[in-house]
Amino acid sequence: MTSIIENSPLFELRADIHVAASPSEIYTVVSDLPRSGEWSTECQGGEWVSGEPSAVGSVFRGENLRSEEVVAWAPLVRGVWHTECRITAAEPGRTFRWMMLSHAGDDQESIWGFDIEPAEGGAVLVHHFRMTTATAGIHKIAEDLDETERVKFVDEWTSKIAQDLDSTLSRIKNIIETA
């Protein structure tokens, strides 16, 4: 029997919101990853560790914080931890994406991003996440879970990500529209 952890894509979610600002103004905010602590539910911010800030190929090191309540029963990293990502798309006013890197610095099929679509009175900001194949971290979480627990984890993690996408977009909208 194949495990749910082997599904491809394992996660694929998106959310959108109308923002009363130009695509250029929105892009300036969402491509400034050190500011992500202002809107992210987990990333507290961080710093560029290589390359030109926000440029394709540049690497960002984020500081993250996860509470005990998040999928509380699962063996997740809690408290503060760090991740690195590499920018994979940076088209001002249109799209900004990053790929999570493994602890060894290798690409993982875990991509986050924003797309911006012009709309009447501003633009639609789309936030998306796709994990094509399970990362090393997901495999570590799942290794001691039986299949029923793995299915429960994927369901609950999918719900968490969906809530995070919506929350992030609401916070970004508020930041931009009240600036």
N, C-alpha and C. Protein backbone atom coordinates (compact mmCIF):
# COMPACT_ATOMS: atom_id res chain seq x y z
N MET A 1 0.84 -1.19 0.00
CA MET A 1 0.00 0.00 0.00
C MET A 1 0.88 1.25 0.00
N THR A 2 0.53 2.22 -0.82
CA THR A 2 1.27 3.46 -0.89
C THR A 2 0.77 4.43 0.18
N SER A 3 1.70 5.09 0.84
CA SER A 3 1.36 6.03 1.89
C SER A 3 0.89 7.36 1.29
N ILE A 4 0.04 8.05 2.02
CA ILE A 4 -0.40 9.38 1.60
C ILE A 4 0.80 10.32 1.46
N ILE A 5 1.85 10.07 2.19
CA ILE A 5 3.06 10.91 2.15
C ILE A 5 3.71 10.85 0.77
N GLU A 6 3.40 9.83 0.00
CA GLU A 6 3.97 9.69 -1.35
C GLU A 6 3.12 10.39 -2.42
N ASN A 7 1.97 10.96 -2.04
CA ASN A 7 1.14 11.67 -3.02
C ASN A 7 1.90 12.83 -3.65
N SER A 8 1.63 13.10 -4.91
CA SER A 8 2.24 14.23 -5.60
C SER A 8 1.17 14.94 -6.42
N PRO A 9 0.91 16.20 -6.15
CA PRO A 9 1.55 16.97 -5.08
C PRO A 9 1.00 16.57 -3.72
N LEU A 10 1.84 16.71 -2.70
CA LEU A 10 1.39 16.41 -1.34
C LEU A 10 0.51 17.55 -0.83
N PHE A 11 0.93 18.79 -1.11
CA PHE A 11 0.15 19.97 -0.75
C PHE A 11 0.11 20.90 -1.95
N GLU A 12 -1.06 21.48 -2.20
CA GLU A 12 -1.19 22.50 -3.24
C GLU A 12 -2.37 23.38 -2.86
N LEU A 13 -2.04 24.58 -2.39
CA LEU A 13 -3.07 25.49 -1.90
C LEU A 13 -2.82 26.89 -2.42
N ARG A 14 -3.90 27.67 -2.48
CA ARG A 14 -3.80 29.07 -2.87
C ARG A 14 -4.96 29.83 -2.26
N ALA A 15 -4.72 31.11 -2.05
CA ALA A 15 -5.76 32.01 -1.55
C ALA A 15 -5.53 33.35 -2.22
N ASP A 16 -6.59 34.16 -2.29
CA ASP A 16 -6.42 35.47 -2.91
C ASP A 16 -7.23 36.52 -2.18
N ILE A 17 -6.84 37.78 -2.38
CA ILE A 17 -7.52 38.91 -1.75
C ILE A 17 -7.32 40.14 -2.63
N HIS A 18 -8.32 41.00 -2.66
CA HIS A 18 -8.19 42.26 -3.40
C HIS A 18 -7.48 43.26 -2.48
N VAL A 19 -6.50 43.97 -3.04
CA VAL A 19 -5.76 44.99 -2.30
C VAL A 19 -5.88 46.30 -3.08
N ALA A 20 -6.23 47.35 -2.36
CA ALA A 20 -6.39 48.67 -2.98
C ALA A 20 -5.01 49.34 -3.10
N ALA A 21 -4.21 48.83 -4.03
CA ALA A 21 -2.88 49.37 -4.29
C ALA A 21 -2.44 48.86 -5.65
N SER A 22 -1.42 49.48 -6.19
CA SER A 22 -0.92 49.06 -7.50
C SER A 22 -0.13 47.76 -7.37
N PRO A 23 -0.04 46.99 -8.46
CA PRO A 23 0.79 45.79 -8.43
C PRO A 23 2.23 46.09 -7.98
N SER A 24 2.76 47.22 -8.39
CA SER A 24 4.12 47.60 -8.01
C SER A 24 4.24 47.82 -6.50
N GLU A 25 3.27 48.50 -5.91
CA GLU A 25 3.29 48.74 -4.47
C GLU A 25 3.20 47.43 -3.69
N ILE A 26 2.34 46.54 -4.16
CA ILE A 26 2.17 45.24 -3.49
C ILE A 26 3.45 44.43 -3.59
N TYR A 27 4.03 44.40 -4.79
CA TYR A 27 5.26 43.63 -5.00
C TYR A 27 6.38 44.13 -4.08
N THR A 28 6.50 45.43 -3.93
CA THR A 28 7.55 45.99 -3.07
C THR A 28 7.44 45.43 -1.65
N VAL A 29 6.23 45.26 -1.17
CA VAL A 29 6.03 44.72 0.18
C VAL A 29 6.31 43.22 0.22
N VAL A 30 5.66 42.44 -0.64
CA VAL A 30 5.76 40.98 -0.52
C VAL A 30 7.14 40.44 -0.87
N SER A 31 7.92 41.19 -1.63
CA SER A 31 9.27 40.72 -2.00
C SER A 31 10.32 41.12 -0.96
N ASP A 32 9.90 41.82 0.09
CA ASP A 32 10.82 42.24 1.16
C ASP A 32 10.74 41.22 2.30
N LEU A 33 11.35 40.04 2.08
CA LEU A 33 11.21 38.94 3.04
C LEU A 33 11.64 39.27 4.47
N PRO A 34 12.64 40.14 4.69
CA PRO A 34 12.93 40.47 6.09
C PRO A 34 11.73 41.06 6.84
N ARG A 35 10.77 41.61 6.12
CA ARG A 35 9.55 42.16 6.74
C ARG A 35 8.50 41.08 7.01
N SER A 36 8.72 39.85 6.61
CA SER A 36 7.68 38.82 6.69
C SER A 36 7.15 38.59 8.09
N GLY A 37 7.90 38.96 9.11
CA GLY A 37 7.39 38.85 10.48
C GLY A 37 6.18 39.73 10.73
N GLU A 38 5.98 40.74 9.87
CA GLU A 38 4.82 41.61 10.01
C GLU A 38 3.52 40.91 9.58
N TRP A 39 3.63 39.87 8.74
CA TRP A 39 2.41 39.26 8.22
C TRP A 39 2.35 37.74 8.32
N SER A 40 3.47 37.08 8.47
CA SER A 40 3.48 35.62 8.48
C SER A 40 3.03 35.07 9.84
N THR A 41 2.38 33.92 9.81
CA THR A 41 1.97 33.27 11.05
C THR A 41 3.12 32.53 11.72
N GLU A 42 4.19 32.21 10.96
CA GLU A 42 5.34 31.51 11.55
C GLU A 42 6.66 32.23 11.35
N CYS A 43 6.91 32.76 10.17
CA CYS A 43 8.19 33.41 9.92
C CYS A 43 8.23 34.74 10.67
N GLN A 44 9.26 34.91 11.47
CA GLN A 44 9.41 36.12 12.28
C GLN A 44 10.29 37.16 11.59
N GLY A 45 10.72 36.85 10.36
CA GLY A 45 11.64 37.72 9.63
C GLY A 45 12.92 36.97 9.36
N GLY A 46 13.97 37.69 9.08
CA GLY A 46 15.25 37.04 8.81
C GLY A 46 16.15 37.96 8.04
N GLU A 47 17.09 37.35 7.31
CA GLU A 47 18.07 38.16 6.58
C GLU A 47 18.51 37.46 5.31
N TRP A 48 18.95 38.27 4.36
CA TRP A 48 19.53 37.75 3.13
C TRP A 48 20.93 37.26 3.45
N VAL A 49 21.24 36.02 3.05
CA VAL A 49 22.58 35.48 3.34
C VAL A 49 23.45 35.37 2.11
N SER A 50 22.86 35.48 0.92
CA SER A 50 23.66 35.52 -0.30
C SER A 50 22.85 36.15 -1.42
N GLY A 51 23.54 36.78 -2.35
CA GLY A 51 22.89 37.38 -3.50
C GLY A 51 22.32 38.75 -3.19
N GLU A 52 21.76 39.34 -4.22
CA GLU A 52 21.11 40.65 -4.12
C GLU A 52 19.71 40.45 -3.52
N PRO A 53 19.32 41.23 -2.50
CA PRO A 53 17.99 41.04 -1.89
C PRO A 53 16.87 40.96 -2.93
N SER A 54 16.03 39.95 -2.76
CA SER A 54 14.83 39.72 -3.57
C SER A 54 15.09 39.33 -5.02
N ALA A 55 16.35 39.02 -5.38
CA ALA A 55 16.68 38.65 -6.76
C ALA A 55 16.70 37.13 -6.92
N VAL A 56 16.36 36.66 -8.11
CA VAL A 56 16.40 35.23 -8.40
C VAL A 56 17.80 34.69 -8.07
N GLY A 57 17.82 33.58 -7.34
CA GLY A 57 19.07 32.94 -6.94
C GLY A 57 19.54 33.34 -5.55
N SER A 58 19.04 34.44 -5.02
CA SER A 58 19.44 34.89 -3.68
C SER A 58 18.87 33.95 -2.63
N VAL A 59 19.57 33.86 -1.50
CA VAL A 59 19.16 32.97 -0.41
C VAL A 59 18.81 33.81 0.82
N PHE A 60 17.65 33.48 1.39
CA PHE A 60 17.13 34.15 2.58
C PHE A 60 17.11 33.14 3.72
N ARG A 61 17.56 33.57 4.89
CA ARG A 61 17.51 32.73 6.10
C ARG A 61 16.43 33.30 7.01
N GLY A 62 15.38 32.53 7.20
CA GLY A 62 14.25 32.97 8.01
C GLY A 62 14.29 32.39 9.41
N GLU A 63 13.81 33.20 10.35
CA GLU A 63 13.64 32.72 11.72
C GLU A 63 12.16 32.47 11.92
N ASN A 64 11.82 31.28 12.38
CA ASN A 64 10.44 30.85 12.49
C ASN A 64 10.09 30.53 13.93
N LEU A 65 8.81 30.62 14.25
CA LEU A 65 8.33 30.31 15.59
C LEU A 65 7.01 29.57 15.45
N ARG A 66 6.95 28.38 16.08
CA ARG A 66 5.70 27.59 16.06
C ARG A 66 5.31 27.26 17.49
N SER A 67 4.04 27.48 17.81
CA SER A 67 3.55 27.23 19.16
C SER A 67 3.24 25.74 19.36
N GLU A 68 3.01 25.40 20.59
CA GLU A 68 2.67 24.02 20.98
C GLU A 68 1.28 23.62 20.46
N GLU A 69 0.42 24.61 20.18
CA GLU A 69 -0.96 24.32 19.79
C GLU A 69 -1.11 23.89 18.34
N VAL A 70 -0.12 24.18 17.51
CA VAL A 70 -0.23 23.88 16.08
C VAL A 70 -0.11 22.37 15.86
N VAL A 71 -1.20 21.75 15.39
CA VAL A 71 -1.27 20.29 15.20
C VAL A 71 -0.55 19.64 16.40
N ALA A 72 -1.09 19.93 17.57
CA ALA A 72 -0.42 19.65 18.85
C ALA A 72 0.02 18.19 19.04
N TRP A 73 -0.68 17.25 18.46
CA TRP A 73 -0.37 15.83 18.67
C TRP A 73 0.79 15.35 17.81
N ALA A 74 1.13 16.08 16.75
CA ALA A 74 2.15 15.62 15.79
C ALA A 74 3.56 16.00 16.25
N PRO A 75 4.55 15.21 15.86
CA PRO A 75 5.95 15.48 16.25
C PRO A 75 6.59 16.58 15.40
N LEU A 76 6.11 17.81 15.58
CA LEU A 76 6.61 18.96 14.81
C LEU A 76 7.71 19.68 15.57
N VAL A 77 8.54 20.42 14.84
CA VAL A 77 9.50 21.31 15.47
C VAL A 77 8.69 22.40 16.17
N ARG A 78 9.02 22.67 17.41
CA ARG A 78 8.33 23.69 18.21
C ARG A 78 9.32 24.78 18.59
N GLY A 79 8.80 25.92 18.95
CA GLY A 79 9.66 27.02 19.35
C GLY A 79 10.30 27.66 18.13
N VAL A 80 11.54 28.14 18.30
CA VAL A 80 12.25 28.85 17.24
C VAL A 80 13.10 27.87 16.43
N TRP A 81 13.07 28.00 15.11
CA TRP A 81 13.94 27.26 14.22
C TRP A 81 14.20 28.11 13.00
N HIS A 82 15.20 27.72 12.22
CA HIS A 82 15.59 28.50 11.04
C HIS A 82 15.45 27.67 9.76
N THR A 83 15.13 28.37 8.68
CA THR A 83 15.04 27.76 7.36
C THR A 83 15.77 28.65 6.37
N GLU A 84 16.14 28.07 5.25
CA GLU A 84 16.69 28.85 4.15
C GLU A 84 15.88 28.56 2.90
N CYS A 85 15.76 29.60 2.08
CA CYS A 85 15.05 29.46 0.81
C CYS A 85 15.81 30.22 -0.27
N ARG A 86 15.60 29.80 -1.49
CA ARG A 86 16.22 30.45 -2.65
C ARG A 86 15.13 31.04 -3.51
N ILE A 87 15.31 32.28 -3.93
CA ILE A 87 14.32 32.95 -4.77
C ILE A 87 14.35 32.31 -6.16
N THR A 88 13.18 31.92 -6.64
CA THR A 88 13.08 31.26 -7.95
C THR A 88 12.38 32.11 -9.01
N ALA A 89 11.64 33.12 -8.58
CA ALA A 89 10.97 34.02 -9.54
C ALA A 89 10.84 35.39 -8.88
N ALA A 90 11.19 36.42 -9.63
CA ALA A 90 11.11 37.79 -9.12
C ALA A 90 10.81 38.72 -10.29
N GLU A 91 9.53 38.88 -10.58
CA GLU A 91 9.09 39.75 -11.68
C GLU A 91 8.29 40.89 -11.06
N PRO A 92 8.93 42.07 -10.90
CA PRO A 92 8.26 43.19 -10.23
C PRO A 92 6.84 43.43 -10.76
N GLY A 93 5.93 43.57 -9.80
CA GLY A 93 4.54 43.82 -10.13
C GLY A 93 3.76 42.59 -10.56
N ARG A 94 4.44 41.42 -10.64
CA ARG A 94 3.76 40.21 -11.16
C ARG A 94 3.87 39.00 -10.25
N THR A 95 5.11 38.58 -9.93
CA THR A 95 5.27 37.33 -9.18
C THR A 95 6.55 37.33 -8.36
N PHE A 96 6.49 36.66 -7.21
CA PHE A 96 7.65 36.50 -6.35
C PHE A 96 7.51 35.13 -5.69
N ARG A 97 8.52 34.26 -5.90
CA ARG A 97 8.46 32.88 -5.39
C ARG A 97 9.79 32.46 -4.79
N TRP A 98 9.69 31.53 -3.84
CA TRP A 98 10.90 30.99 -3.23
C TRP A 98 10.74 29.50 -2.96
N MET A 99 11.88 28.80 -3.07
CA MET A 99 11.93 27.35 -2.86
C MET A 99 12.67 27.08 -1.55
N MET A 100 12.06 26.26 -0.72
CA MET A 100 12.70 25.90 0.54
C MET A 100 13.90 24.99 0.26
N LEU A 101 14.96 25.21 1.03
CA LEU A 101 16.17 24.40 0.90
C LEU A 101 16.25 23.42 2.06
N SER A 102 16.87 22.28 1.81
CA SER A 102 17.10 21.31 2.89
C SER A 102 18.19 21.86 3.80
N HIS A 103 18.40 21.19 4.93
CA HIS A 103 19.47 21.62 5.83
C HIS A 103 20.84 21.52 5.17
N ALA A 104 20.94 20.69 4.13
CA ALA A 104 22.20 20.56 3.37
C ALA A 104 22.30 21.62 2.27
N GLY A 105 21.26 22.45 2.14
CA GLY A 105 21.27 23.50 1.12
C GLY A 105 20.77 23.06 -0.24
N ASP A 106 20.17 21.87 -0.30
CA ASP A 106 19.65 21.36 -1.57
C ASP A 106 18.22 21.85 -1.80
N ASP A 107 17.85 22.00 -3.08
CA ASP A 107 16.48 22.38 -3.44
C ASP A 107 15.51 21.32 -2.96
N GLN A 108 14.35 21.76 -2.51
CA GLN A 108 13.25 20.87 -2.17
C GLN A 108 12.05 21.29 -3.02
N GLU A 109 11.16 20.39 -3.27
CA GLU A 109 9.98 20.70 -4.08
C GLU A 109 8.89 21.29 -3.20
N SER A 110 9.27 22.36 -2.48
CA SER A 110 8.40 23.07 -1.56
C SER A 110 8.51 24.55 -1.92
N ILE A 111 7.49 25.06 -2.62
CA ILE A 111 7.58 26.41 -3.17
C ILE A 111 6.42 27.26 -2.67
N TRP A 112 6.79 28.43 -2.14
CA TRP A 112 5.84 29.43 -1.69
C TRP A 112 5.91 30.61 -2.63
N GLY A 113 4.85 31.39 -2.72
CA GLY A 113 4.95 32.58 -3.55
C GLY A 113 3.71 33.44 -3.55
N PHE A 114 3.88 34.56 -4.25
CA PHE A 114 2.81 35.54 -4.46
C PHE A 114 2.72 35.84 -5.94
N ASP A 115 1.51 35.94 -6.44
CA ASP A 115 1.25 36.44 -7.79
C ASP A 115 0.33 37.64 -7.63
N ILE A 116 0.51 38.62 -8.50
CA ILE A 116 -0.27 39.85 -8.43
C ILE A 116 -0.95 40.05 -9.78
N GLU A 117 -2.26 40.21 -9.74
CA GLU A 117 -3.05 40.37 -10.96
C GLU A 117 -3.76 41.72 -10.90
N PRO A 118 -3.52 42.61 -11.87
CA PRO A 118 -4.22 43.89 -11.87
C PRO A 118 -5.74 43.69 -11.84
N ALA A 119 -6.41 44.56 -11.10
CA ALA A 119 -7.87 44.49 -11.00
C ALA A 119 -8.39 45.90 -10.77
N GLU A 120 -9.67 46.09 -11.02
CA GLU A 120 -10.28 47.40 -10.79
C GLU A 120 -10.07 47.83 -9.34
N GLY A 121 -9.58 49.05 -9.16
CA GLY A 121 -9.37 49.58 -7.81
C GLY A 121 -8.14 49.03 -7.12
N GLY A 122 -7.22 48.41 -7.85
CA GLY A 122 -6.00 47.87 -7.23
C GLY A 122 -5.53 46.62 -7.91
N ALA A 123 -5.41 45.55 -7.13
CA ALA A 123 -4.92 44.28 -7.68
C ALA A 123 -5.39 43.13 -6.80
N VAL A 124 -5.37 41.94 -7.37
CA VAL A 124 -5.64 40.73 -6.60
C VAL A 124 -4.29 40.11 -6.26
N LEU A 125 -4.07 39.91 -4.97
CA LEU A 125 -2.85 39.28 -4.49
C LEU A 125 -3.16 37.81 -4.21
N VAL A 126 -2.42 36.93 -4.86
CA VAL A 126 -2.59 35.49 -4.71
C VAL A 126 -1.38 34.95 -3.94
N HIS A 127 -1.64 34.21 -2.89
CA HIS A 127 -0.57 33.57 -2.11
C HIS A 127 -0.73 32.06 -2.32
N HIS A 128 0.35 31.39 -2.66
CA HIS A 128 0.24 29.96 -2.95
C HIS A 128 1.40 29.17 -2.37
N PHE A 129 1.12 27.88 -2.20
CA PHE A 129 2.11 26.93 -1.68
C PHE A 129 1.90 25.61 -2.41
N ARG A 130 3.02 25.02 -2.82
CA ARG A 130 2.98 23.71 -3.47
C ARG A 130 4.17 22.89 -2.99
N MET A 131 3.89 21.72 -2.47
CA MET A 131 4.93 20.74 -2.14
C MET A 131 4.67 19.54 -3.04
N THR A 132 5.49 19.42 -4.08
CA THR A 132 5.28 18.34 -5.04
C THR A 132 5.55 16.99 -4.42
N THR A 133 6.70 16.85 -3.78
CA THR A 133 7.02 15.62 -3.05
C THR A 133 7.40 15.98 -1.62
N ALA A 134 7.15 15.07 -0.73
CA ALA A 134 7.41 15.31 0.69
C ALA A 134 8.88 15.68 0.91
N THR A 135 9.09 16.71 1.71
CA THR A 135 10.44 17.13 2.07
C THR A 135 11.01 16.19 3.13
N ALA A 136 12.29 16.35 3.40
CA ALA A 136 12.93 15.57 4.46
C ALA A 136 12.21 15.80 5.79
N GLY A 137 11.79 17.05 6.03
CA GLY A 137 11.08 17.35 7.27
C GLY A 137 9.76 16.62 7.38
N ILE A 138 9.01 16.55 6.30
CA ILE A 138 7.73 15.83 6.31
C ILE A 138 7.98 14.33 6.53
N HIS A 139 9.01 13.79 5.88
CA HIS A 139 9.33 12.37 6.09
C HIS A 139 9.68 12.11 7.55
N LYS A 140 10.42 13.03 8.18
CA LYS A 140 10.79 12.86 9.59
C LYS A 140 9.55 12.89 10.48
N ILE A 141 8.63 13.81 10.20
CA ILE A 141 7.39 13.87 10.97
C ILE A 141 6.61 12.57 10.83
N ALA A 142 6.55 12.02 9.62
CA ALA A 142 5.71 10.86 9.32
C ALA A 142 6.34 9.52 9.68
N GLU A 143 7.65 9.49 9.91
CA GLU A 143 8.33 8.20 10.04
C GLU A 143 7.78 7.30 11.15
N ASP A 144 7.35 7.86 12.26
CA ASP A 144 6.84 7.03 13.35
C ASP A 144 5.32 7.03 13.45
N LEU A 145 4.66 7.59 12.44
CA LEU A 145 3.20 7.61 12.42
C LEU A 145 2.67 6.44 11.60
N ASP A 146 1.55 5.85 12.04
CA ASP A 146 0.93 4.83 11.20
C ASP A 146 0.14 5.57 10.10
N GLU A 147 -0.41 4.83 9.15
CA GLU A 147 -1.04 5.47 8.00
C GLU A 147 -2.25 6.32 8.39
N THR A 148 -3.02 5.87 9.35
CA THR A 148 -4.17 6.67 9.82
C THR A 148 -3.69 8.00 10.36
N GLU A 149 -2.62 7.99 11.14
CA GLU A 149 -2.06 9.23 11.69
C GLU A 149 -1.46 10.10 10.57
N ARG A 150 -0.87 9.48 9.57
CA ARG A 150 -0.32 10.24 8.44
C ARG A 150 -1.43 10.98 7.69
N VAL A 151 -2.53 10.29 7.45
CA VAL A 151 -3.68 10.91 6.78
C VAL A 151 -4.20 12.07 7.64
N LYS A 152 -4.33 11.84 8.94
CA LYS A 152 -4.78 12.89 9.85
C LYS A 152 -3.83 14.08 9.81
N PHE A 153 -2.53 13.81 9.83
CA PHE A 153 -1.54 14.89 9.77
C PHE A 153 -1.68 15.69 8.48
N VAL A 154 -1.75 15.03 7.34
CA VAL A 154 -1.86 15.74 6.05
C VAL A 154 -3.14 16.57 6.03
N ASP A 155 -4.25 16.02 6.51
CA ASP A 155 -5.51 16.78 6.55
C ASP A 155 -5.39 18.01 7.44
N GLU A 156 -4.85 17.83 8.64
CA GLU A 156 -4.74 18.95 9.58
C GLU A 156 -3.70 19.97 9.12
N TRP A 157 -2.61 19.51 8.50
CA TRP A 157 -1.59 20.43 8.01
C TRP A 157 -2.13 21.22 6.81
N THR A 158 -2.92 20.57 5.98
CA THR A 158 -3.56 21.27 4.85
C THR A 158 -4.47 22.38 5.38
N SER A 159 -5.25 22.09 6.40
CA SER A 159 -6.13 23.10 7.00
C SER A 159 -5.32 24.24 7.61
N LYS A 160 -4.23 23.90 8.28
CA LYS A 160 -3.36 24.92 8.88
C LYS A 160 -2.79 25.84 7.80
N ILE A 161 -2.29 25.26 6.72
CA ILE A 161 -1.71 26.07 5.64
C ILE A 161 -2.78 26.97 5.03
N ALA A 162 -3.97 26.44 4.80
CA ALA A 162 -5.06 27.25 4.23
C ALA A 162 -5.36 28.44 5.13
N GLN A 163 -5.42 28.22 6.43
CA GLN A 163 -5.66 29.32 7.38
C GLN A 163 -4.50 30.30 7.36
N ASP A 164 -3.27 29.80 7.28
CA ASP A 164 -2.09 30.66 7.24
C ASP A 164 -2.09 31.54 5.99
N LEU A 165 -2.45 30.96 4.84
CA LEU A 165 -2.49 31.74 3.60
C LEU A 165 -3.49 32.89 3.73
N ASP A 166 -4.69 32.58 4.23
CA ASP A 166 -5.72 33.61 4.39
C ASP A 166 -5.28 34.68 5.40
N SER A 167 -4.72 34.26 6.51
CA SER A 167 -4.27 35.20 7.53
C SER A 167 -3.16 36.11 7.01
N THR A 168 -2.20 35.51 6.29
CA THR A 168 -1.10 36.28 5.72
C THR A 168 -1.63 37.34 4.75
N LEU A 169 -2.55 36.95 3.88
CA LEU A 169 -3.11 37.90 2.93
C LEU A 169 -3.85 39.04 3.63
N SER A 170 -4.63 38.73 4.65
CA SER A 170 -5.35 39.77 5.39
C SER A 170 -4.38 40.76 6.03
N ARG A 171 -3.31 40.23 6.60
CA ARG A 171 -2.31 41.10 7.24
C ARG A 171 -1.60 41.98 6.21
N ILE A 172 -1.23 41.40 5.07
CA ILE A 172 -0.57 42.18 4.01
C ILE A 172 -1.50 43.28 3.51
N LYS A 173 -2.75 42.94 3.27
CA LYS A 173 -3.74 43.92 2.81
C LYS A 173 -3.80 45.07 3.80
N ASN A 174 -3.89 44.76 5.09
CA ASN A 174 -3.97 45.79 6.11
C ASN A 174 -2.72 46.66 6.14
N ILE A 175 -1.56 46.06 6.05
CA ILE A 175 -0.29 46.80 6.03
C ILE A 175 -0.25 47.78 4.86
N ILE A 176 -0.60 47.28 3.69
CA ILE A 176 -0.52 48.11 2.48
C ILE A 176 -1.58 49.20 2.49
N GLU A 177 -2.79 48.86 2.83
CA GLU A 177 -3.88 49.83 2.73
C GLU A 177 -3.88 50.86 3.85
N THR A 178 -3.18 50.59 4.94
CA THR A 178 -3.11 51.58 6.03
C THR A 178 -1.79 52.34 6.04
N ALA A 179 -0.93 52.06 5.07
CA ALA A 179 0.38 52.73 5.01
C ALA A 179 0.23 54.20 4.66
